[in-house]
């Protein structure tokens, strides 16, 4: 199209400004675009700064100091858990003590009845062996499972690990925050024993009387050349053995003599475990026909068993109270660390929150100032437009238009 086709009012400016050819209206159009662009730039700048402040606020929960404190707290919590494990193990054993005492006292009462001729020796012998089984069942019931470092273990402080040494278990419980431990030693409170031949050979005899699960079961002696993997094949029912004598050496290496069903005479030393109680046949089945001291020996063994139970209970309760006091100390330590972490994080968050609030306030002020400045610019452009309008037509009408525009114009500030 030839240049002459443009009228005097349809200039290149008008073509570039969507038909707006007057200077004021062109300024008004461009000012809107410019304001929008500038406002977007301000928002982007402050958004980036506010995002950084928010990230710093979130990071305030984790600092080198607080992380170190949390690590120390985790260590203390782990040690506290081990203390709780030890407390549970002790409690599980202590729960059996009253029952153990009841069984011993029951047998003492039955001997009193025997001496008063209100029960027979054979009845007491049967009752005696059954009580030994119940005592061992109480011991097995003291097993306690606990977890440590992701693995599960079984502890029983009143049981034993070996039928030849009667070795007991121990437990190491944390004692303080420095890594020291309290050693809790087990005390075997079951009933078990074995015989070691001195004649005619040197074999090992083991009894299952107190380990039978049925009251109707009859105890059996089994001979071994090496316990427990090399039995000789020689077994004897304890009711078939012929008890021939007992030499009391105050519980240490006592000697028993008996005759097997094949007529072989055996002499053997006795090694006791736990409460030190023996099968009824080793008390001559309380008949005193061969050993006149069998009943007095049984009474003495019951007194010793009761003393062992009371002593073990006292030791375990002392350990329990010690662990409880340690647990309370660990609670105080972990609570103190938690408080220190909270204080440090709270102080740091207060600083970061203040920085964020200040930045948000600056952003609001910048928005307000920009809106105010933009409004002032728009008012100037409006004035130019109205001035142009007043020059075109009716002066009175134009003046009225100017007044309406000025009175009706508002300053819109978006904060």
Protein backbone atom coordinates (compact mmCIF):
# COMPACT_ATOMS: atom_id res chain seq x y z
CA UNK A 1 0.00 0.00 0.00
CA UNK A 2 1.45 3.44 -0.91
CA UNK A 3 2.39 5.74 1.91
CA UNK A 4 -0.12 8.27 0.61
CA UNK A 5 -2.92 5.93 1.60
CA UNK A 6 -2.35 6.88 5.31
CA UNK A 7 -4.35 9.92 6.40
CA UNK A 8 -2.80 12.62 8.51
CA UNK A 9 -4.17 11.00 11.67
CA UNK A 10 -3.31 7.39 10.63
CA UNK A 11 0.41 7.61 11.14
CA UNK A 12 2.99 4.94 11.66
CA UNK A 13 2.56 5.56 15.43
CA UNK A 14 -1.07 4.64 15.09
CA UNK A 15 -0.23 1.49 13.22
CA UNK A 16 2.23 0.42 15.91
CA UNK A 17 -0.17 1.27 18.76
CA UNK A 18 -3.29 -0.54 17.59
CA UNK A 19 -4.85 2.53 16.01
CA UNK A 20 -4.08 4.90 18.85
CA UNK A 21 -2.54 7.95 17.29
CA UNK A 22 -2.73 10.51 20.05
CA UNK A 23 0.31 10.96 22.22
CA UNK A 24 -1.48 10.83 25.57
CA UNK A 25 -3.46 7.70 24.74
CA UNK A 26 -0.32 6.06 23.39
CA UNK A 27 1.45 6.85 26.66
CA UNK A 28 -1.46 5.46 28.63
CA UNK A 29 -1.36 2.22 26.64
CA UNK A 30 2.38 1.81 27.00
CA UNK A 31 2.35 2.73 30.68
CA UNK A 32 0.01 -0.19 31.42
CA UNK A 33 2.29 -2.65 29.66
CA UNK A 34 5.36 -1.19 31.35
CA UNK A 35 3.74 -1.26 34.80
CA UNK A 36 2.73 -4.89 34.37
CA UNK A 37 6.24 -5.84 33.32
CA UNK A 38 7.84 -3.89 36.17
CA UNK A 39 5.44 -5.33 38.73
CA UNK A 40 6.26 -8.83 37.54
CA UNK A 41 9.98 -8.14 37.88
CA UNK A 42 9.58 -6.90 41.44
CA UNK A 43 7.48 -9.91 42.36
CA UNK A 44 10.04 -12.33 40.87
CA UNK A 45 12.92 -10.70 42.72
CA UNK A 46 11.19 -10.78 46.08
CA UNK A 47 9.74 -14.26 45.51
CA UNK A 48 13.26 -15.61 45.11
CA UNK A 49 14.43 -13.87 48.27
CA UNK A 50 11.38 -15.03 50.25
CA UNK A 51 11.87 -18.63 49.04
CA UNK A 52 15.46 -18.48 50.30
CA UNK A 53 14.26 -17.16 53.66
CA UNK A 54 11.68 -19.94 53.90
CA UNK A 55 14.35 -22.54 53.13
CA UNK A 56 16.54 -21.07 55.87
CA UNK A 57 13.60 -21.22 58.28
CA UNK A 58 12.99 -24.90 57.52
CA UNK A 59 16.70 -25.63 57.85
CA UNK A 60 16.66 -24.07 61.32
CA UNK A 61 15.44 -27.42 62.69
CA UNK A 62 18.81 -28.97 61.83
CA UNK A 63 22.13 -27.43 62.79
CA UNK A 64 25.50 -29.01 63.56
CA UNK A 65 24.89 -28.41 67.28
CA UNK A 66 21.32 -29.75 67.29
CA UNK A 67 22.36 -32.74 65.16
CA UNK A 68 25.13 -33.56 67.63
CA UNK A 69 22.69 -33.28 70.53
CA UNK A 70 20.21 -35.54 68.77
CA UNK A 71 22.95 -38.12 68.19
CA UNK A 72 23.85 -38.04 71.88
CA UNK A 73 20.16 -38.32 72.74
CA UNK A 74 19.81 -41.37 70.48
CA UNK A 75 22.74 -43.07 72.24
CA UNK A 76 21.20 -42.39 75.65
CA UNK A 77 17.82 -43.65 74.43
CA UNK A 78 19.44 -46.87 73.21
CA UNK A 79 21.11 -47.40 76.59
CA UNK A 80 17.81 -46.67 78.33
CA UNK A 81 16.18 -49.38 76.19
CA UNK A 82 18.84 -51.84 77.34
CA UNK A 83 18.13 -50.89 80.95
CA UNK A 84 14.45 -51.61 80.34
CA UNK A 85 15.42 -54.98 78.85
CA UNK A 86 17.38 -55.83 81.98
CA UNK A 87 14.49 -54.71 84.20
CA UNK A 88 12.13 -56.99 82.28
CA UNK A 89 14.52 -59.93 82.61
CA UNK A 90 14.86 -59.36 86.37
CA UNK A 91 11.12 -58.98 86.85
CA UNK A 92 10.45 -62.20 84.95
CA UNK A 93 12.72 -64.07 87.38
CA UNK A 94 11.41 -62.29 90.45
CA UNK A 95 7.87 -63.25 89.51
CA UNK A 96 8.80 -66.91 90.17
CA UNK A 97 10.26 -66.45 93.64
CA UNK A 98 7.07 -66.61 95.64
CA UNK A 99 6.02 -69.80 93.87
CA UNK A 100 9.43 -71.33 94.53
CA UNK A 101 9.15 -70.50 98.21
CA UNK A 102 5.65 -71.94 98.29
CA UNK A 103 6.86 -75.27 96.89
CA UNK A 104 9.72 -75.52 99.39
CA UNK A 105 7.40 -74.65 102.27
CA UNK A 106 4.92 -77.22 101.03
CA UNK A 107 7.55 -79.97 101.13
CA UNK A 108 8.59 -78.86 104.62
CA UNK A 109 4.97 -79.19 105.66
CA UNK A 110 4.71 -82.65 104.12
CA UNK A 111 7.74 -83.83 106.09
CA UNK A 112 6.05 -82.54 109.24
CA UNK A 113 2.99 -84.61 108.31
CA UNK A 114 5.21 -87.66 107.75
CA UNK A 115 6.76 -87.22 111.18
CA UNK A 116 3.25 -86.96 112.59
CA UNK A 117 2.25 -90.16 110.76
CA UNK A 118 -0.52 -88.41 108.81
CA UNK A 119 0.97 -89.39 105.44
CA UNK A 120 3.06 -92.35 104.31
CA UNK A 121 6.70 -92.30 103.18
CA UNK A 122 5.77 -93.57 99.73
CA UNK A 123 3.16 -90.80 99.34
CA UNK A 124 5.76 -88.19 100.30
CA UNK A 125 8.29 -89.73 97.89
CA UNK A 126 5.82 -89.42 95.00
CA UNK A 127 4.82 -85.88 96.01
CA UNK A 128 8.47 -84.90 96.46
CA UNK A 129 9.52 -85.87 92.93
CA UNK A 130 6.48 -84.10 91.45
CA UNK A 131 7.34 -80.90 93.31
CA UNK A 132 10.86 -81.04 91.90
CA UNK A 133 9.31 -81.11 88.42
CA UNK A 134 7.09 -78.12 89.24
CA UNK A 135 10.08 -76.18 90.52
CA UNK A 136 11.92 -76.76 87.24
CA UNK A 137 8.85 -75.71 85.28
CA UNK A 138 8.84 -72.43 87.19
CA UNK A 139 12.48 -71.96 86.27
CA UNK A 140 11.77 -72.47 82.57
CA UNK A 141 8.89 -69.99 82.80
CA UNK A 142 11.42 -67.28 83.71
CA UNK A 143 12.71 -67.14 80.12
CA UNK A 144 12.49 -63.60 78.76
CA UNK A 145 12.96 -62.59 75.14
CA UNK A 146 14.51 -59.22 74.40
CA UNK A 147 15.82 -57.35 71.38
CA UNK A 148 19.22 -55.73 71.08
CA UNK A 149 20.73 -54.23 67.93
CA UNK A 150 18.05 -55.85 65.79
CA UNK A 151 18.63 -59.37 67.17
CA UNK A 152 16.50 -61.34 69.63
CA UNK A 153 17.92 -63.18 72.64
CA UNK A 154 16.63 -65.37 75.46
CA UNK A 155 17.64 -64.67 79.05
CA UNK A 156 16.87 -66.63 82.17
CA UNK A 157 18.69 -65.50 85.28
CA UNK A 158 17.51 -68.44 87.42
CA UNK A 159 18.13 -71.18 84.85
CA UNK A 160 21.36 -72.92 83.83
CA UNK A 161 23.26 -73.44 80.60
CA UNK A 162 24.92 -76.76 81.39
CA UNK A 163 23.89 -79.89 83.29
CA UNK A 164 27.49 -80.59 84.18
CA UNK A 165 28.66 -77.16 85.38
CA UNK A 166 25.27 -75.57 86.15
CA UNK A 167 26.61 -72.37 84.63
CA UNK A 168 24.19 -69.45 84.71
CA UNK A 169 23.61 -66.52 82.39
CA UNK A 170 24.63 -62.95 83.07
CA UNK A 171 23.29 -59.63 81.88
CA UNK A 172 25.16 -56.38 81.23
CA UNK A 173 22.92 -53.39 81.78
CA UNK A 174 24.00 -49.76 81.14
CA UNK A 175 24.83 -48.03 84.39
CA UNK A 176 25.53 -44.44 83.34
CA UNK A 177 25.99 -42.18 80.31
CA UNK A 178 29.75 -42.83 80.25
CA UNK A 179 29.33 -46.36 78.92
CA UNK A 180 29.76 -48.25 82.20
CA UNK A 181 27.67 -51.38 82.74
CA UNK A 182 26.16 -53.14 85.74
CA UNK A 183 26.83 -56.88 85.75
CA UNK A 184 23.78 -58.87 86.81
CA UNK A 185 24.77 -62.44 87.61
CA UNK A 186 22.31 -65.28 87.32
CA UNK A 187 21.65 -67.71 90.18
CA UNK A 188 20.47 -71.20 89.32
CA UNK A 189 17.40 -72.04 91.41
CA UNK A 190 16.24 -75.24 89.74
CA UNK A 191 16.97 -78.78 90.85
CA UNK A 192 19.53 -81.00 89.15
CA UNK A 193 22.42 -83.29 90.01
CA UNK A 194 24.68 -85.97 88.52
CA UNK A 195 26.61 -88.95 89.82
CA UNK A 196 30.24 -89.73 89.07
CA UNK A 197 31.21 -93.35 89.61
CA UNK A 198 34.20 -94.18 91.73
CA UNK A 199 33.42 -97.91 91.60
CA UNK A 200 33.28 -100.15 89.67
CA UNK A 201 34.18 -97.65 86.91
CA UNK A 202 34.22 -93.89 86.30
CA UNK A 203 31.02 -93.44 84.32
CA UNK A 204 28.65 -90.51 84.57
CA UNK A 205 25.00 -91.00 85.72
CA UNK A 206 22.29 -88.49 84.97
CA UNK A 207 18.71 -88.39 86.26
CA UNK A 208 15.63 -87.12 84.41
CA UNK A 209 13.30 -87.30 87.44
CA UNK A 210 12.98 -83.55 87.94
CA UNK A 211 12.76 -82.87 84.22
CA UNK A 212 9.79 -85.09 83.42
CA UNK A 213 6.70 -83.22 82.21
CA UNK A 214 4.17 -85.66 83.70
CA UNK A 215 3.41 -86.38 87.34
CA UNK A 216 2.86 -90.01 86.44
CA UNK A 217 6.36 -90.36 84.99
CA UNK A 218 8.96 -92.41 86.77
CA UNK A 219 12.48 -91.10 87.04
CA UNK A 220 15.29 -92.81 85.16
CA UNK A 221 19.06 -92.90 85.68
CA UNK A 222 21.11 -93.08 82.48
CA UNK A 223 24.79 -94.00 82.34
CA UNK A 224 27.24 -92.17 80.04
CA UNK A 225 30.90 -92.52 79.29
CA UNK A 226 30.80 -88.88 78.22
CA UNK A 227 27.76 -86.67 78.79
CA UNK A 228 25.60 -86.04 76.87
CA UNK A 229 26.66 -87.65 73.59
CA UNK A 230 27.96 -91.08 74.70
CA UNK A 231 25.37 -93.10 76.65
CA UNK A 232 26.44 -96.63 77.49
CA UNK A 233 22.94 -97.99 77.00
CA UNK A 234 22.67 -98.76 80.70
CA UNK A 235 19.56 -97.25 82.29
CA UNK A 236 17.89 -97.82 85.64
CA UNK A 237 14.40 -96.99 86.84
CA UNK A 238 14.85 -95.16 90.18
CA UNK A 239 12.08 -97.22 91.75
CA UNK A 240 13.99 -100.41 90.86
CA UNK A 241 17.32 -99.34 92.31
CA UNK A 242 18.36 -100.81 95.63
CA UNK A 243 19.51 -97.88 97.79
CA UNK A 244 22.28 -99.15 100.06
CA UNK A 245 23.83 -96.16 101.76
CA UNK A 246 24.62 -92.45 101.88
CA UNK A 247 27.65 -90.61 103.23
CA UNK A 248 26.85 -86.98 104.01
CA UNK A 249 29.79 -84.64 103.42
CA UNK A 250 27.74 -81.49 104.07
CA UNK A 251 26.47 -81.31 100.51
CA UNK A 252 29.91 -81.31 98.91
CA UNK A 253 30.87 -84.56 97.19
CA UNK A 254 28.36 -86.59 99.14
CA UNK A 255 28.63 -90.32 98.36
CA UNK A 256 25.80 -92.70 97.53
CA UNK A 257 25.90 -96.46 97.13
CA UNK A 258 23.28 -98.46 95.31
CA UNK A 259 22.81 -101.79 93.60
CA UNK A 260 21.67 -102.05 90.00
CA UNK A 261 18.98 -104.51 88.95
CA UNK A 262 21.73 -106.74 87.49
CA UNK A 263 23.35 -106.94 90.92
CA UNK A 264 26.24 -104.53 90.24
CA UNK A 265 27.15 -102.40 93.24
CA UNK A 266 27.89 -98.78 92.41
CA UNK A 267 29.58 -96.10 94.46
CA UNK A 268 29.38 -92.56 93.19
CA UNK A 269 29.89 -89.00 94.32
CA UNK A 270 27.00 -86.53 94.01
CA UNK A 271 27.36 -83.12 92.39
CA UNK A 272 24.37 -80.87 93.06
CA UNK A 273 23.09 -77.89 91.15
CA UNK A 274 20.61 -75.14 91.97
CA UNK A 275 18.63 -75.57 95.16
CA UNK A 276 20.54 -78.76 95.99
CA UNK A 277 17.46 -80.95 96.33
CA UNK A 278 17.82 -84.61 95.26
CA UNK A 279 15.43 -87.25 93.95
CA UNK A 280 13.35 -89.02 96.59
CA UNK A 281 15.30 -92.28 96.16
CA UNK A 282 18.45 -90.53 97.38
CA UNK A 283 16.58 -89.86 100.66
CA UNK A 284 15.81 -93.59 100.92
CA UNK A 285 12.27 -92.70 99.80
CA UNK A 286 11.85 -91.30 103.36
CA UNK A 287 11.51 -94.78 104.81
CA UNK A 288 14.68 -94.53 106.98
CA UNK A 289 14.98 -98.32 106.64
CA UNK A 290 18.55 -98.03 105.32
CA UNK A 291 19.49 -94.42 106.15
CA UNK A 292 18.12 -93.30 109.49
CA UNK A 293 19.19 -89.76 108.73
CA UNK A 294 17.32 -89.49 105.41
CA UNK A 295 14.50 -87.31 106.78
CA UNK A 296 16.85 -84.99 108.64
CA UNK A 297 18.95 -84.69 105.48
CA UNK A 298 15.85 -83.75 103.49
CA UNK A 299 14.89 -81.12 106.06
CA UNK A 300 18.39 -79.66 106.02
CA UNK A 301 18.38 -79.54 102.21
CA UNK A 302 14.99 -77.75 102.24
CA UNK A 303 16.32 -75.16 104.71
CA UNK A 304 19.33 -74.57 102.49
CA UNK A 305 17.12 -74.30 99.39
CA UNK A 306 14.91 -71.73 101.09
CA UNK A 307 17.96 -69.70 102.12
CA UNK A 308 19.22 -69.72 98.52
CA UNK A 309 15.88 -68.47 97.25
CA UNK A 310 15.73 -65.65 99.81
CA UNK A 311 19.33 -64.62 99.15
CA UNK A 312 18.83 -64.61 95.37
CA UNK A 313 15.62 -62.61 95.72
CA UNK A 314 17.38 -59.98 97.82
CA UNK A 315 20.22 -59.68 95.31
CA UNK A 316 17.86 -59.40 92.35
CA UNK A 317 15.72 -56.77 94.08
CA UNK A 318 18.83 -54.73 94.83
CA UNK A 319 19.82 -54.94 91.16
CA UNK A 320 16.28 -54.01 90.14
CA UNK A 321 16.19 -50.90 92.32
CA UNK A 322 19.59 -49.87 91.00
CA UNK A 323 18.40 -50.21 87.41
CA UNK A 324 15.21 -48.29 88.11
CA UNK A 325 17.20 -45.40 89.55
CA UNK A 326 19.49 -45.52 86.50
CA UNK A 327 16.45 -45.50 84.19
CA UNK A 328 15.16 -42.36 85.91
CA UNK A 329 18.57 -40.74 85.50
CA UNK A 330 18.59 -41.54 81.77
CA UNK A 331 15.09 -40.07 81.47
CA UNK A 332 16.35 -36.83 83.04
CA UNK A 333 19.39 -36.74 80.76
CA UNK A 334 17.40 -37.30 77.56
CA UNK A 335 14.78 -34.76 78.67
CA UNK A 336 17.53 -32.20 79.34
CA UNK A 337 19.01 -32.74 75.89
CA UNK A 338 15.56 -32.41 74.31
CA UNK A 339 15.05 -29.12 76.13
CA UNK A 340 18.42 -27.83 74.96
CA UNK A 341 17.63 -28.82 71.36
CA UNK A 342 14.26 -27.06 71.58
CA UNK A 343 15.84 -23.90 72.97
CA UNK A 344 18.57 -23.79 70.33
CA UNK A 345 16.17 -24.49 67.48
CA UNK A 346 13.61 -22.05 68.87
CA UNK A 347 16.19 -19.28 69.09
CA UNK A 348 17.43 -20.00 65.59
CA UNK A 349 13.90 -20.16 64.21
CA UNK A 350 13.09 -16.84 65.90
CA UNK A 351 15.97 -15.24 64.04
CA UNK A 352 14.96 -16.82 60.73
CA UNK A 353 11.29 -15.96 61.27
CA UNK A 354 12.25 -12.35 61.96
CA UNK A 355 14.27 -12.27 58.74
CA UNK A 356 11.34 -13.71 56.79
CA UNK A 357 8.84 -11.28 58.31
CA UNK A 358 11.12 -8.33 57.57
CA UNK A 359 11.57 -9.46 53.97
CA UNK A 360 7.83 -9.91 53.50
CA UNK A 361 7.23 -6.42 54.91
CA UNK A 362 9.82 -4.93 52.54
CA UNK A 363 8.07 -6.69 49.66
CA UNK A 364 4.72 -5.21 50.70
CA UNK A 365 6.21 -1.72 50.96
CA UNK A 366 7.82 -2.09 47.55
CA UNK A 367 4.49 -3.16 46.06
CA UNK A 368 2.76 -0.20 47.68
CA UNK A 369 5.39 2.30 46.51
CA UNK A 370 5.28 0.91 43.00
CA UNK A 371 1.48 1.07 42.92
CA UNK A 372 1.57 4.64 44.19
CA UNK A 373 4.16 5.66 41.61
CA UNK A 374 2.24 3.94 38.84
CA UNK A 375 -0.97 5.67 39.87
CA UNK A 376 0.75 9.02 39.80
CA UNK A 377 2.00 8.29 36.30
CA UNK A 378 -1.47 7.29 35.19
CA UNK A 379 -2.93 10.52 36.61
CA UNK A 380 -0.44 12.50 34.53
CA UNK A 381 -1.41 10.63 31.39
CA UNK A 382 -5.10 11.08 32.18
CA UNK A 383 -4.49 14.81 32.43
CA UNK A 384 -2.86 14.84 28.99
CA UNK A 385 -5.79 12.97 27.49
CA UNK A 386 -8.36 15.22 29.09
CA UNK A 387 -6.40 18.27 27.96
CA UNK A 388 -6.56 16.94 24.38
CA UNK A 389 -10.28 16.31 24.70
CA UNK A 390 -10.90 19.88 25.93
CA UNK A 391 -9.30 21.30 22.82
CA UNK A 392 -11.49 19.36 20.40
CA UNK A 393 -15.06 20.15 21.11
CA UNK A 394 -17.43 22.08 23.24
CA UNK A 395 -15.46 23.80 25.97
CA UNK A 396 -18.26 23.50 28.50
CA UNK A 397 -18.84 19.85 27.71
CA UNK A 398 -15.17 19.11 27.78
CA UNK A 399 -14.74 20.88 31.10
CA UNK A 400 -17.54 18.80 32.54
CA UNK A 401 -15.92 15.66 31.22
CA UNK A 402 -12.66 16.65 32.87
CA UNK A 403 -14.37 17.19 36.20
CA UNK A 404 -16.21 13.86 36.06
CA UNK A 405 -13.02 12.04 35.21
CA UNK A 406 -11.07 13.65 38.00
CA UNK A 407 -13.77 13.21 40.60
CA UNK A 408 -14.49 9.63 39.52
CA UNK A 409 -10.90 8.53 39.32
CA UNK A 410 -9.64 6.32 42.20
CA UNK A 411 -6.24 5.29 43.32
CA UNK A 412 -6.13 1.48 43.40
CA UNK A 413 -3.25 0.22 45.45
CA UNK A 414 -2.86 -3.55 45.61
CA UNK A 415 -0.58 -4.57 48.39
